[in-house]
Amino acid sequence: MKERRKRNGISRSYYSSQPPGITVKELVLEKWIFGAAHSFFDFISNPQTIIRTSPENRKLHYKVIHRDMLPSNINRIEQSIKNPAFCEKELKKIIRVINRNHIEADFSVLERYTLKPGELIKGVICENCKESPLLRRHGTWFCDNCQLLSKDAHIQALQDYFFLIGSTITNRQLREFLLVSSSASATKILQSLNLTSRGANKGRVYSLSFNE
């Protein structure tokens, strides 16, 4: 349902952006693109996200994938298409329309999915075995399950915080999200990231910034 709403939203944007005199062929092409249910994926950009489905929804594993799997799935679809639906000129026109109507996402993930910060899984997740939370000992993250040691495992967790909660964070918020008990340890983590900040002492607020 979510993907259907997504395609419908793009479809409406496409129609509203077209100049007078749009041809029937272009409308048919647009309908074909966004109506092809077998050719879409929901891909998760965070490689540490664990994708689970209930037994009755096992087929979702073929639609909800990690971003690393996207190229191979696109190749599989391309190989399955024996007769291309569009010529090169039509594909270029479609690409121009999509690029012209692209809008960066600007919404609260928690609000959209009716979630509260307290419902999120806290702590740093092990990049090797996905166990959580990792323990922090003498400036190093330690996985009690696979024995992995990491100096910067907190970066991925803070990226999750950035995209899920917000672009600013305090010492206390970091401790609560990463499950760090020491204020001094939290300060060292924040300082190691060379973040800009405002305020002082307990009122200091740090600005998170991550580039995809």
N, C-alpha and C. Protein backbone atom coordinates (compact mmCIF):
# COMPACT_ATOMS: atom_id res chain seq x y z
N MET A 1 0.83 -1.20 0.00
CA MET A 1 0.00 0.00 0.00
C MET A 1 0.86 1.25 0.00
N LYS A 2 1.94 1.22 0.80
CA LYS A 2 2.83 2.38 0.85
C LYS A 2 3.42 2.66 -0.52
N GLU A 3 3.87 1.57 -1.21
CA GLU A 3 4.49 1.76 -2.51
C GLU A 3 3.47 2.25 -3.52
N ARG A 4 2.22 1.77 -3.40
CA ARG A 4 1.19 2.21 -4.33
C ARG A 4 0.92 3.69 -4.15
N ARG A 5 0.88 4.16 -2.89
CA ARG A 5 0.67 5.59 -2.64
C ARG A 5 1.84 6.38 -3.19
N LYS A 6 3.04 5.83 -3.07
CA LYS A 6 4.23 6.52 -3.56
C LYS A 6 4.15 6.69 -5.07
N ARG A 7 3.76 5.61 -5.78
CA ARG A 7 3.69 5.69 -7.23
C ARG A 7 2.58 6.63 -7.67
N ASN A 8 1.46 6.59 -6.96
CA ASN A 8 0.36 7.47 -7.31
C ASN A 8 0.75 8.93 -7.12
N GLY A 9 1.53 9.21 -6.07
CA GLY A 9 1.96 10.58 -5.81
C GLY A 9 2.85 11.08 -6.92
N ILE A 10 3.77 10.23 -7.40
CA ILE A 10 4.64 10.62 -8.50
C ILE A 10 3.81 10.82 -9.75
N SER A 11 2.82 9.95 -9.93
CA SER A 11 1.98 10.05 -11.12
C SER A 11 1.26 11.38 -11.15
N ARG A 12 0.70 11.81 -10.04
CA ARG A 12 -0.02 13.10 -10.00
C ARG A 12 0.94 14.24 -10.27
N SER A 13 2.15 14.15 -9.75
CA SER A 13 3.14 15.19 -9.99
C SER A 13 3.49 15.25 -11.47
N TYR A 14 3.56 14.10 -12.10
CA TYR A 14 3.91 14.04 -13.52
C TYR A 14 2.83 14.73 -14.34
N TYR A 15 1.58 14.39 -14.06
CA TYR A 15 0.49 14.97 -14.83
C TYR A 15 0.45 16.49 -14.67
N SER A 16 0.57 16.97 -13.44
CA SER A 16 0.42 18.39 -13.18
C SER A 16 1.56 19.21 -13.77
N SER A 17 2.69 18.55 -14.07
CA SER A 17 3.85 19.29 -14.55
C SER A 17 3.90 19.37 -16.07
N GLN A 18 3.05 18.61 -16.76
CA GLN A 18 3.14 18.55 -18.20
C GLN A 18 2.53 19.79 -18.86
N PRO A 19 3.18 20.30 -19.90
CA PRO A 19 2.66 21.46 -20.62
C PRO A 19 1.47 21.07 -21.47
N PRO A 20 0.65 22.05 -21.92
CA PRO A 20 -0.49 21.76 -22.80
C PRO A 20 0.00 21.03 -24.05
N GLY A 21 -0.82 20.13 -24.56
CA GLY A 21 -0.47 19.44 -25.77
C GLY A 21 0.23 18.12 -25.54
N ILE A 22 0.22 17.62 -24.30
CA ILE A 22 0.84 16.32 -24.01
C ILE A 22 0.13 15.24 -24.82
N THR A 23 0.91 14.34 -25.39
CA THR A 23 0.34 13.34 -26.28
C THR A 23 -0.21 12.15 -25.50
N VAL A 24 -1.13 11.43 -26.15
CA VAL A 24 -1.70 10.24 -25.54
C VAL A 24 -0.60 9.21 -25.30
N LYS A 25 0.37 9.15 -26.19
CA LYS A 25 1.46 8.19 -26.05
C LYS A 25 2.24 8.42 -24.77
N GLU A 26 2.49 9.71 -24.44
CA GLU A 26 3.23 10.01 -23.23
C GLU A 26 2.45 9.60 -21.99
N LEU A 27 1.12 9.79 -22.03
CA LEU A 27 0.30 9.39 -20.89
C LEU A 27 0.32 7.88 -20.73
N VAL A 28 0.30 7.16 -21.83
CA VAL A 28 0.34 5.70 -21.77
C VAL A 28 1.67 5.24 -21.21
N LEU A 29 2.76 5.89 -21.65
CA LEU A 29 4.08 5.54 -21.13
C LEU A 29 4.15 5.75 -19.64
N GLU A 30 3.62 6.90 -19.20
CA GLU A 30 3.66 7.21 -17.76
C GLU A 30 2.86 6.19 -16.98
N LYS A 31 1.69 5.83 -17.48
CA LYS A 31 0.86 4.85 -16.79
C LYS A 31 1.56 3.49 -16.72
N TRP A 32 2.27 3.14 -17.80
CA TRP A 32 2.96 1.86 -17.83
C TRP A 32 4.08 1.82 -16.81
N ILE A 33 4.83 2.92 -16.71
CA ILE A 33 5.98 2.96 -15.79
C ILE A 33 5.53 2.75 -14.36
N PHE A 34 4.56 3.54 -13.91
CA PHE A 34 4.18 3.51 -12.51
C PHE A 34 3.13 2.45 -12.20
N GLY A 35 2.64 1.77 -13.22
CA GLY A 35 1.69 0.70 -12.99
C GLY A 35 2.33 -0.67 -13.00
N ALA A 36 3.64 -0.72 -13.30
CA ALA A 36 4.33 -2.00 -13.37
C ALA A 36 4.73 -2.45 -11.97
N ALA A 37 3.81 -3.13 -11.29
CA ALA A 37 4.01 -3.49 -9.87
C ALA A 37 5.17 -4.46 -9.68
N HIS A 38 5.49 -5.24 -10.74
CA HIS A 38 6.54 -6.24 -10.57
C HIS A 38 7.92 -5.62 -10.66
N SER A 39 8.03 -4.35 -10.97
CA SER A 39 9.33 -3.74 -11.22
C SER A 39 9.72 -2.68 -10.20
N PHE A 40 9.21 -2.76 -9.00
CA PHE A 40 9.59 -1.78 -8.01
C PHE A 40 10.18 -2.47 -6.78
N PHE A 41 11.00 -1.68 -6.04
CA PHE A 41 11.60 -2.17 -4.81
C PHE A 41 11.52 -1.08 -3.75
N ASP A 42 11.43 -1.49 -2.52
CA ASP A 42 11.71 -0.61 -1.39
C ASP A 42 13.10 -1.00 -0.92
N PHE A 43 14.07 -0.10 -1.06
CA PHE A 43 15.41 -0.47 -0.62
C PHE A 43 15.80 0.35 0.60
N ILE A 44 16.47 -0.31 1.53
CA ILE A 44 16.87 0.27 2.80
C ILE A 44 18.31 0.73 2.68
N SER A 45 18.56 2.03 2.94
CA SER A 45 19.91 2.56 2.76
C SER A 45 20.86 2.17 3.90
N ASN A 46 20.31 1.89 5.06
CA ASN A 46 21.16 1.53 6.20
C ASN A 46 21.49 0.04 6.14
N PRO A 47 22.77 -0.33 5.90
CA PRO A 47 23.11 -1.75 5.77
C PRO A 47 22.94 -2.53 7.06
N GLN A 48 22.82 -1.85 8.20
CA GLN A 48 22.66 -2.55 9.48
C GLN A 48 21.20 -2.85 9.81
N THR A 49 20.29 -2.32 9.00
CA THR A 49 18.88 -2.58 9.26
C THR A 49 18.57 -4.06 9.05
N ILE A 50 17.90 -4.65 10.01
CA ILE A 50 17.52 -6.06 9.93
C ILE A 50 16.10 -6.14 9.37
N ILE A 51 15.95 -6.81 8.25
CA ILE A 51 14.65 -6.92 7.59
C ILE A 51 14.02 -8.26 7.95
N ARG A 52 12.89 -8.20 8.63
CA ARG A 52 12.17 -9.42 9.01
C ARG A 52 10.73 -9.31 8.50
N THR A 53 10.16 -10.44 8.10
CA THR A 53 8.77 -10.47 7.67
C THR A 53 8.06 -11.63 8.36
N SER A 54 6.76 -11.51 8.47
CA SER A 54 5.97 -12.60 9.03
C SER A 54 5.85 -13.70 7.98
N PRO A 55 5.58 -14.93 8.39
CA PRO A 55 5.52 -16.06 7.44
C PRO A 55 4.58 -15.83 6.26
N GLU A 56 3.46 -15.15 6.49
CA GLU A 56 2.51 -14.94 5.40
C GLU A 56 2.96 -13.86 4.42
N ASN A 57 4.04 -13.13 4.76
CA ASN A 57 4.53 -12.07 3.88
C ASN A 57 5.95 -12.34 3.41
N ARG A 58 6.28 -13.60 3.19
CA ARG A 58 7.64 -13.95 2.80
C ARG A 58 8.05 -13.35 1.46
N LYS A 59 7.09 -13.13 0.60
CA LYS A 59 7.41 -12.57 -0.72
C LYS A 59 7.95 -11.15 -0.64
N LEU A 60 7.74 -10.49 0.50
CA LEU A 60 8.25 -9.14 0.66
C LEU A 60 9.77 -9.10 0.64
N HIS A 61 10.41 -10.24 0.91
CA HIS A 61 11.87 -10.29 0.87
C HIS A 61 12.41 -9.99 -0.53
N TYR A 62 11.54 -10.19 -1.54
CA TYR A 62 11.97 -9.90 -2.90
C TYR A 62 11.72 -8.44 -3.26
N LYS A 63 10.97 -7.72 -2.43
CA LYS A 63 10.64 -6.33 -2.71
C LYS A 63 11.34 -5.36 -1.77
N VAL A 64 11.51 -5.75 -0.51
CA VAL A 64 12.18 -4.90 0.48
C VAL A 64 13.60 -5.43 0.63
N ILE A 65 14.57 -4.66 0.15
CA ILE A 65 15.94 -5.14 0.09
C ILE A 65 16.91 -4.08 0.61
N HIS A 66 18.13 -4.49 0.92
CA HIS A 66 19.18 -3.55 1.27
C HIS A 66 19.71 -2.92 -0.02
N ARG A 67 20.25 -1.72 0.09
CA ARG A 67 20.68 -0.99 -1.10
C ARG A 67 21.78 -1.72 -1.86
N ASP A 68 22.59 -2.53 -1.17
CA ASP A 68 23.66 -3.26 -1.84
C ASP A 68 23.11 -4.29 -2.83
N MET A 69 21.85 -4.69 -2.61
CA MET A 69 21.25 -5.68 -3.48
C MET A 69 20.53 -5.06 -4.68
N LEU A 70 20.43 -3.74 -4.69
CA LEU A 70 19.67 -3.08 -5.76
C LEU A 70 20.28 -3.31 -7.14
N PRO A 71 21.60 -3.14 -7.35
CA PRO A 71 22.17 -3.36 -8.69
C PRO A 71 21.89 -4.74 -9.24
N SER A 72 22.05 -5.78 -8.42
CA SER A 72 21.83 -7.14 -8.91
C SER A 72 20.37 -7.38 -9.26
N ASN A 73 19.46 -6.76 -8.49
CA ASN A 73 18.04 -6.92 -8.80
C ASN A 73 17.66 -6.18 -10.07
N ILE A 74 18.28 -5.02 -10.29
CA ILE A 74 18.02 -4.28 -11.53
C ILE A 74 18.53 -5.09 -12.72
N ASN A 75 19.72 -5.69 -12.58
CA ASN A 75 20.27 -6.52 -13.65
C ASN A 75 19.35 -7.70 -13.95
N ARG A 76 18.81 -8.28 -12.88
CA ARG A 76 17.90 -9.43 -13.07
C ARG A 76 16.67 -9.03 -13.87
N ILE A 77 16.12 -7.85 -13.55
CA ILE A 77 14.94 -7.36 -14.27
C ILE A 77 15.28 -7.07 -15.72
N GLU A 78 16.44 -6.43 -15.94
CA GLU A 78 16.85 -6.10 -17.31
C GLU A 78 17.01 -7.36 -18.16
N GLN A 79 17.57 -8.40 -17.56
CA GLN A 79 17.78 -9.64 -18.30
C GLN A 79 16.48 -10.36 -18.60
N SER A 80 15.47 -10.11 -17.76
CA SER A 80 14.17 -10.78 -17.97
C SER A 80 13.33 -10.09 -19.04
N ILE A 81 13.71 -8.87 -19.42
CA ILE A 81 12.96 -8.12 -20.42
C ILE A 81 13.54 -8.43 -21.80
N LYS A 82 12.77 -9.13 -22.61
CA LYS A 82 13.24 -9.55 -23.92
C LYS A 82 13.06 -8.43 -24.95
N ASN A 83 11.95 -7.73 -24.88
CA ASN A 83 11.66 -6.67 -25.84
C ASN A 83 11.54 -5.34 -25.11
N PRO A 84 12.53 -4.45 -25.25
CA PRO A 84 12.49 -3.15 -24.56
C PRO A 84 11.21 -2.40 -24.90
N ALA A 85 10.60 -1.79 -23.88
CA ALA A 85 9.34 -1.07 -24.08
C ALA A 85 9.55 0.32 -24.65
N PHE A 86 10.78 0.88 -24.46
CA PHE A 86 11.02 2.25 -24.88
C PHE A 86 12.28 2.34 -25.74
N CYS A 87 12.25 3.27 -26.66
CA CYS A 87 13.46 3.56 -27.42
C CYS A 87 14.32 4.52 -26.59
N GLU A 88 15.55 4.74 -27.03
CA GLU A 88 16.47 5.59 -26.26
C GLU A 88 15.94 7.01 -26.10
N LYS A 89 15.31 7.55 -27.13
CA LYS A 89 14.78 8.90 -27.07
C LYS A 89 13.69 9.01 -26.01
N GLU A 90 12.82 8.01 -25.93
CA GLU A 90 11.75 8.02 -24.94
C GLU A 90 12.31 7.89 -23.53
N LEU A 91 13.33 7.06 -23.36
CA LEU A 91 13.94 6.90 -22.05
C LEU A 91 14.55 8.21 -21.57
N LYS A 92 15.22 8.94 -22.48
CA LYS A 92 15.81 10.22 -22.10
C LYS A 92 14.74 11.22 -21.68
N LYS A 93 13.59 11.18 -22.35
CA LYS A 93 12.49 12.09 -21.99
C LYS A 93 11.96 11.74 -20.59
N ILE A 94 11.83 10.45 -20.32
CA ILE A 94 11.36 10.00 -19.01
C ILE A 94 12.33 10.44 -17.92
N ILE A 95 13.64 10.28 -18.19
CA ILE A 95 14.66 10.67 -17.21
C ILE A 95 14.58 12.16 -16.92
N ARG A 96 14.39 12.97 -17.96
CA ARG A 96 14.30 14.43 -17.77
C ARG A 96 13.10 14.78 -16.91
N VAL A 97 11.97 14.12 -17.14
CA VAL A 97 10.76 14.40 -16.37
C VAL A 97 10.95 14.04 -14.90
N ILE A 98 11.55 12.87 -14.66
CA ILE A 98 11.78 12.43 -13.28
C ILE A 98 12.73 13.37 -12.56
N ASN A 99 13.83 13.74 -13.22
CA ASN A 99 14.79 14.66 -12.60
C ASN A 99 14.17 16.02 -12.32
N ARG A 100 13.34 16.50 -13.25
CA ARG A 100 12.73 17.82 -13.09
C ARG A 100 11.74 17.85 -11.93
N ASN A 101 11.13 16.72 -11.64
CA ASN A 101 10.10 16.67 -10.60
C ASN A 101 10.58 16.06 -9.29
N HIS A 102 11.87 15.78 -9.22
CA HIS A 102 12.41 15.20 -7.99
C HIS A 102 12.36 16.22 -6.85
N ILE A 103 11.89 15.77 -5.70
CA ILE A 103 11.83 16.62 -4.51
C ILE A 103 12.49 15.86 -3.36
N GLU A 104 13.42 16.50 -2.70
CA GLU A 104 14.08 15.87 -1.56
C GLU A 104 13.06 15.60 -0.44
N ALA A 105 13.18 14.45 0.21
CA ALA A 105 12.28 14.12 1.31
C ALA A 105 12.44 15.12 2.45
N ASP A 106 11.32 15.61 2.93
CA ASP A 106 11.34 16.57 4.03
C ASP A 106 10.18 16.27 4.96
N PHE A 107 10.32 15.22 5.75
CA PHE A 107 9.26 14.84 6.67
C PHE A 107 9.86 14.10 7.85
N SER A 108 9.12 14.04 8.91
CA SER A 108 9.55 13.31 10.10
C SER A 108 9.19 11.84 9.94
N VAL A 109 10.20 10.98 9.99
CA VAL A 109 9.95 9.54 9.86
C VAL A 109 9.07 9.05 11.01
N LEU A 110 9.34 9.54 12.21
CA LEU A 110 8.57 9.10 13.37
C LEU A 110 7.11 9.51 13.25
N GLU A 111 6.86 10.73 12.79
CA GLU A 111 5.48 11.19 12.64
C GLU A 111 4.76 10.41 11.55
N ARG A 112 5.47 10.16 10.45
CA ARG A 112 4.83 9.46 9.34
C ARG A 112 4.39 8.06 9.74
N TYR A 113 5.19 7.39 10.56
CA TYR A 113 4.86 6.02 10.94
C TYR A 113 4.32 5.93 12.36
N THR A 114 3.92 7.08 12.90
CA THR A 114 3.28 7.15 14.22
C THR A 114 4.13 6.44 15.28
N LEU A 115 5.39 6.83 15.34
CA LEU A 115 6.31 6.25 16.32
C LEU A 115 6.76 7.32 17.30
N LYS A 116 7.15 6.87 18.47
CA LYS A 116 7.70 7.77 19.48
C LYS A 116 9.17 7.43 19.68
N PRO A 117 10.01 8.41 20.02
CA PRO A 117 11.43 8.14 20.23
C PRO A 117 11.68 6.99 21.20
N GLY A 118 10.81 6.85 22.21
CA GLY A 118 10.98 5.80 23.20
C GLY A 118 10.76 4.40 22.64
N GLU A 119 10.15 4.30 21.45
CA GLU A 119 9.89 3.00 20.84
C GLU A 119 11.06 2.51 19.99
N LEU A 120 12.04 3.38 19.76
CA LEU A 120 13.20 2.98 18.96
C LEU A 120 14.13 2.09 19.77
N ILE A 121 14.81 1.18 19.08
CA ILE A 121 15.80 0.32 19.73
C ILE A 121 17.05 1.16 19.97
N LYS A 122 17.45 1.27 21.21
CA LYS A 122 18.59 2.11 21.57
C LYS A 122 19.89 1.29 21.55
N GLY A 123 21.00 2.01 21.54
CA GLY A 123 22.30 1.37 21.61
C GLY A 123 22.98 1.25 20.26
N VAL A 124 24.26 0.91 20.29
CA VAL A 124 25.07 0.73 19.09
C VAL A 124 24.97 -0.72 18.63
N ILE A 125 24.71 -0.91 17.33
CA ILE A 125 24.53 -2.25 16.77
C ILE A 125 25.85 -2.75 16.18
N CYS A 126 26.16 -4.00 16.42
CA CYS A 126 27.39 -4.59 15.89
C CYS A 126 27.28 -4.73 14.38
N GLU A 127 28.25 -4.19 13.66
CA GLU A 127 28.22 -4.25 12.19
C GLU A 127 28.52 -5.65 11.68
N ASN A 128 29.03 -6.52 12.55
CA ASN A 128 29.40 -7.87 12.14
C ASN A 128 28.27 -8.87 12.33
N CYS A 129 27.71 -8.92 13.53
CA CYS A 129 26.68 -9.92 13.83
C CYS A 129 25.31 -9.31 14.12
N LYS A 130 25.21 -7.96 14.10
CA LYS A 130 23.95 -7.23 14.33
C LYS A 130 23.45 -7.32 15.77
N GLU A 131 24.29 -7.76 16.67
CA GLU A 131 23.91 -7.81 18.08
C GLU A 131 23.87 -6.38 18.63
N SER A 132 23.02 -6.15 19.62
CA SER A 132 22.98 -4.84 20.27
C SER A 132 22.48 -5.01 21.71
N PRO A 133 22.86 -4.08 22.59
CA PRO A 133 23.78 -2.98 22.31
C PRO A 133 25.23 -3.39 22.56
N LEU A 134 26.15 -2.69 21.87
CA LEU A 134 27.56 -2.91 22.13
C LEU A 134 27.93 -2.24 23.45
N LEU A 135 28.96 -2.76 24.09
CA LEU A 135 29.47 -2.19 25.33
C LEU A 135 30.65 -1.27 25.02
N ARG A 136 30.81 -0.21 25.78
CA ARG A 136 31.94 0.70 25.56
C ARG A 136 32.92 0.58 26.72
N ARG A 137 34.15 0.21 26.38
CA ARG A 137 35.19 0.02 27.39
C ARG A 137 36.46 0.75 26.96
N HIS A 138 36.89 1.68 27.75
CA HIS A 138 38.14 2.40 27.50
C HIS A 138 38.19 2.99 26.08
N GLY A 139 37.10 3.60 25.68
CA GLY A 139 37.05 4.26 24.37
C GLY A 139 36.84 3.34 23.19
N THR A 140 36.53 2.07 23.44
CA THR A 140 36.33 1.10 22.35
C THR A 140 35.00 0.37 22.54
N TRP A 141 34.29 0.18 21.43
CA TRP A 141 33.04 -0.57 21.47
C TRP A 141 33.35 -2.06 21.38
N PHE A 142 32.68 -2.84 22.21
CA PHE A 142 32.94 -4.28 22.29
C PHE A 142 31.64 -5.05 22.15
N CYS A 143 31.64 -6.04 21.25
CA CYS A 143 30.48 -6.90 21.06
C CYS A 143 30.67 -8.17 21.89
N ASP A 144 29.79 -8.38 22.81
CA ASP A 144 29.89 -9.55 23.70
C ASP A 144 29.53 -10.83 22.97
N ASN A 145 28.92 -10.70 21.79
CA ASN A 145 28.48 -11.88 21.05
C ASN A 145 29.57 -12.43 20.13
N CYS A 146 30.17 -11.54 19.31
CA CYS A 146 31.19 -12.00 18.35
C CYS A 146 32.58 -11.47 18.66
N GLN A 147 32.71 -10.72 19.75
CA GLN A 147 34.01 -10.21 20.21
C GLN A 147 34.58 -9.10 19.31
N LEU A 148 33.77 -8.53 18.46
CA LEU A 148 34.25 -7.46 17.59
C LEU A 148 34.63 -6.23 18.41
N LEU A 149 35.73 -5.58 18.04
CA LEU A 149 36.16 -4.33 18.65
C LEU A 149 36.08 -3.22 17.61
N SER A 150 35.59 -2.07 18.02
CA SER A 150 35.46 -0.97 17.08
C SER A 150 35.62 0.36 17.79
N LYS A 151 36.35 1.27 17.15
CA LYS A 151 36.54 2.61 17.70
C LYS A 151 35.43 3.57 17.27
N ASP A 152 34.80 3.29 16.14
CA ASP A 152 33.84 4.25 15.58
C ASP A 152 32.45 3.67 15.28
N ALA A 153 32.07 2.60 15.97
CA ALA A 153 30.76 1.98 15.73
C ALA A 153 29.61 2.93 16.03
N HIS A 154 29.88 3.97 16.83
CA HIS A 154 28.83 4.92 17.20
C HIS A 154 28.40 5.80 16.03
N ILE A 155 29.23 5.91 15.00
CA ILE A 155 28.91 6.79 13.88
C ILE A 155 27.63 6.36 13.18
N GLN A 156 27.49 5.05 12.93
CA GLN A 156 26.29 4.55 12.27
C GLN A 156 25.06 4.80 13.15
N ALA A 157 25.20 4.61 14.45
CA ALA A 157 24.07 4.85 15.35
C ALA A 157 23.66 6.32 15.34
N LEU A 158 24.64 7.22 15.28
CA LEU A 158 24.33 8.65 15.23
C LEU A 158 23.72 9.05 13.89
N GLN A 159 24.08 8.35 12.84
CA GLN A 159 23.41 8.59 11.56
C GLN A 159 21.94 8.20 11.66
N ASP A 160 21.67 7.08 12.34
CA ASP A 160 20.28 6.69 12.55
C ASP A 160 19.54 7.77 13.34
N TYR A 161 20.18 8.29 14.36
CA TYR A 161 19.59 9.36 15.18
C TYR A 161 19.29 10.56 14.30
N PHE A 162 20.24 10.92 13.46
CA PHE A 162 20.11 12.08 12.57
C PHE A 162 18.88 11.96 11.68
N PHE A 163 18.71 10.80 11.05
CA PHE A 163 17.61 10.63 10.11
C PHE A 163 16.27 10.33 10.79
N LEU A 164 16.31 9.77 11.98
CA LEU A 164 15.07 9.41 12.65
C LEU A 164 14.56 10.49 13.60
N ILE A 165 15.46 11.14 14.29
CA ILE A 165 15.05 12.07 15.35
C ILE A 165 15.34 13.52 15.02
N GLY A 166 16.57 13.83 14.63
CA GLY A 166 16.86 15.22 14.33
C GLY A 166 18.33 15.49 14.11
N SER A 167 18.64 16.70 13.71
CA SER A 167 20.01 17.07 13.34
C SER A 167 20.79 17.69 14.50
N THR A 168 20.17 17.83 15.66
CA THR A 168 20.90 18.35 16.82
C THR A 168 20.83 17.33 17.96
N ILE A 169 21.87 17.36 18.80
CA ILE A 169 21.92 16.38 19.89
C ILE A 169 22.71 16.97 21.06
N THR A 170 22.29 16.62 22.26
CA THR A 170 23.00 17.06 23.47
C THR A 170 23.74 15.86 24.07
N ASN A 171 24.56 16.15 25.06
CA ASN A 171 25.30 15.09 25.74
C ASN A 171 24.32 14.07 26.32
N ARG A 172 23.28 14.57 26.94
CA ARG A 172 22.30 13.68 27.57
C ARG A 172 21.58 12.83 26.52
N GLN A 173 21.18 13.43 25.41
CA GLN A 173 20.48 12.70 24.36
C GLN A 173 21.37 11.62 23.76
N LEU A 174 22.66 11.93 23.61
CA LEU A 174 23.59 10.93 23.10
C LEU A 174 23.70 9.75 24.06
N ARG A 175 23.80 10.05 25.34
CA ARG A 175 23.91 8.98 26.33
C ARG A 175 22.67 8.09 26.31
N GLU A 176 21.51 8.71 26.18
CA GLU A 176 20.27 7.94 26.17
C GLU A 176 20.14 7.08 24.92
N PHE A 177 20.60 7.62 23.79
CA PHE A 177 20.44 6.89 22.52
C PHE A 177 21.49 5.81 22.35
N LEU A 178 22.73 6.08 22.76
CA LEU A 178 23.79 5.10 22.61
C LEU A 178 23.94 4.20 23.84
N LEU A 179 23.16 4.49 24.87
CA LEU A 179 23.23 3.75 26.12
C LEU A 179 24.62 3.84 26.75
N VAL A 180 25.11 5.06 26.81
CA VAL A 180 26.40 5.35 27.45
C VAL A 180 26.11 5.98 28.81
N SER A 181 26.67 5.44 29.86
CA SER A 181 26.37 5.93 31.20
C SER A 181 27.21 7.13 31.61
N SER A 182 28.39 7.26 31.04
CA SER A 182 29.31 8.31 31.45
C SER A 182 29.17 9.57 30.61
N SER A 183 28.97 10.70 31.29
CA SER A 183 28.89 11.98 30.60
C SER A 183 30.23 12.32 29.94
N ALA A 184 31.33 11.96 30.60
CA ALA A 184 32.66 12.22 30.04
C ALA A 184 32.88 11.43 28.76
N SER A 185 32.43 10.19 28.73
CA SER A 185 32.56 9.36 27.52
C SER A 185 31.75 9.96 26.38
N ALA A 186 30.55 10.43 26.70
CA ALA A 186 29.70 11.05 25.69
C ALA A 186 30.35 12.31 25.13
N THR A 187 30.97 13.08 25.99
CA THR A 187 31.66 14.30 25.55
C THR A 187 32.81 13.95 24.60
N LYS A 188 33.57 12.90 24.92
CA LYS A 188 34.68 12.49 24.07
C LYS A 188 34.18 12.05 22.69
N ILE A 189 33.06 11.35 22.67
CA ILE A 189 32.48 10.91 21.39
C ILE A 189 32.08 12.13 20.56
N LEU A 190 31.41 13.08 21.18
CA LEU A 190 30.97 14.28 20.46
C LEU A 190 32.15 15.10 19.97
N GLN A 191 33.16 15.25 20.79
CA GLN A 191 34.33 16.03 20.40
C GLN A 191 35.11 15.36 19.28
N SER A 192 35.11 14.03 19.25
CA SER A 192 35.85 13.30 18.22
C SER A 192 35.24 13.51 16.83
N LEU A 193 33.99 13.93 16.78
CA LEU A 193 33.30 14.12 15.51
C LEU A 193 33.50 15.52 14.94
N ASN A 194 34.14 16.40 15.71
CA ASN A 194 34.40 17.78 15.27
C ASN A 194 33.11 18.50 14.83
N LEU A 195 32.10 18.38 15.65
CA LEU A 195 30.80 18.99 15.33
C LEU A 195 30.78 20.46 15.76
N THR A 196 30.00 21.24 15.05
CA THR A 196 29.77 22.61 15.49
C THR A 196 28.77 22.57 16.64
N SER A 197 28.86 23.52 17.55
CA SER A 197 27.98 23.50 18.72
C SER A 197 27.66 24.92 19.16
N ARG A 198 26.64 25.04 19.98
CA ARG A 198 26.29 26.32 20.58
C ARG A 198 25.91 26.08 22.04
N GLY A 199 26.06 27.10 22.84
CA GLY A 199 25.78 26.95 24.26
C GLY A 199 27.01 26.47 25.01
N ALA A 200 26.84 26.26 26.30
CA ALA A 200 27.97 25.83 27.13
C ALA A 200 27.50 24.86 28.21
N ASN A 201 28.46 24.07 28.68
CA ASN A 201 28.21 23.12 29.77
C ASN A 201 27.02 22.21 29.44
N LYS A 202 26.07 22.06 30.36
CA LYS A 202 24.94 21.16 30.16
C LYS A 202 23.99 21.65 29.07
N GLY A 203 24.09 22.93 28.72
CA GLY A 203 23.21 23.48 27.69
C GLY A 203 23.79 23.42 26.29
N ARG A 204 24.95 22.79 26.13
CA ARG A 204 25.60 22.75 24.82
C ARG A 204 24.83 21.82 23.88
N VAL A 205 24.57 22.30 22.67
CA VAL A 205 23.85 21.54 21.65
C VAL A 205 24.76 21.38 20.44
N TYR A 206 24.90 20.15 19.98
CA TYR A 206 25.77 19.84 18.85
C TYR A 206 24.93 19.63 17.58
N SER A 207 25.47 20.07 16.45
CA SER A 207 24.78 19.90 15.16
C SER A 207 25.39 18.72 14.40
N LEU A 208 24.56 17.73 14.14
CA LEU A 208 25.01 16.55 13.40
C LEU A 208 24.95 16.84 11.90
N SER A 209 25.87 16.26 11.18
CA SER A 209 25.89 16.45 9.73
C SER A 209 26.50 15.22 9.10
N PHE A 210 25.70 14.57 8.22
CA PHE A 210 26.18 13.37 7.54
C PHE A 210 25.85 13.48 6.07
N ASN A 211 26.79 13.11 5.24
CA ASN A 211 26.58 13.09 3.79
C ASN A 211 26.45 11.66 3.35
N GLU A 212 25.42 11.42 2.50
CA GLU A 212 25.21 10.05 2.01
C GLU A 212 26.38 9.66 1.12
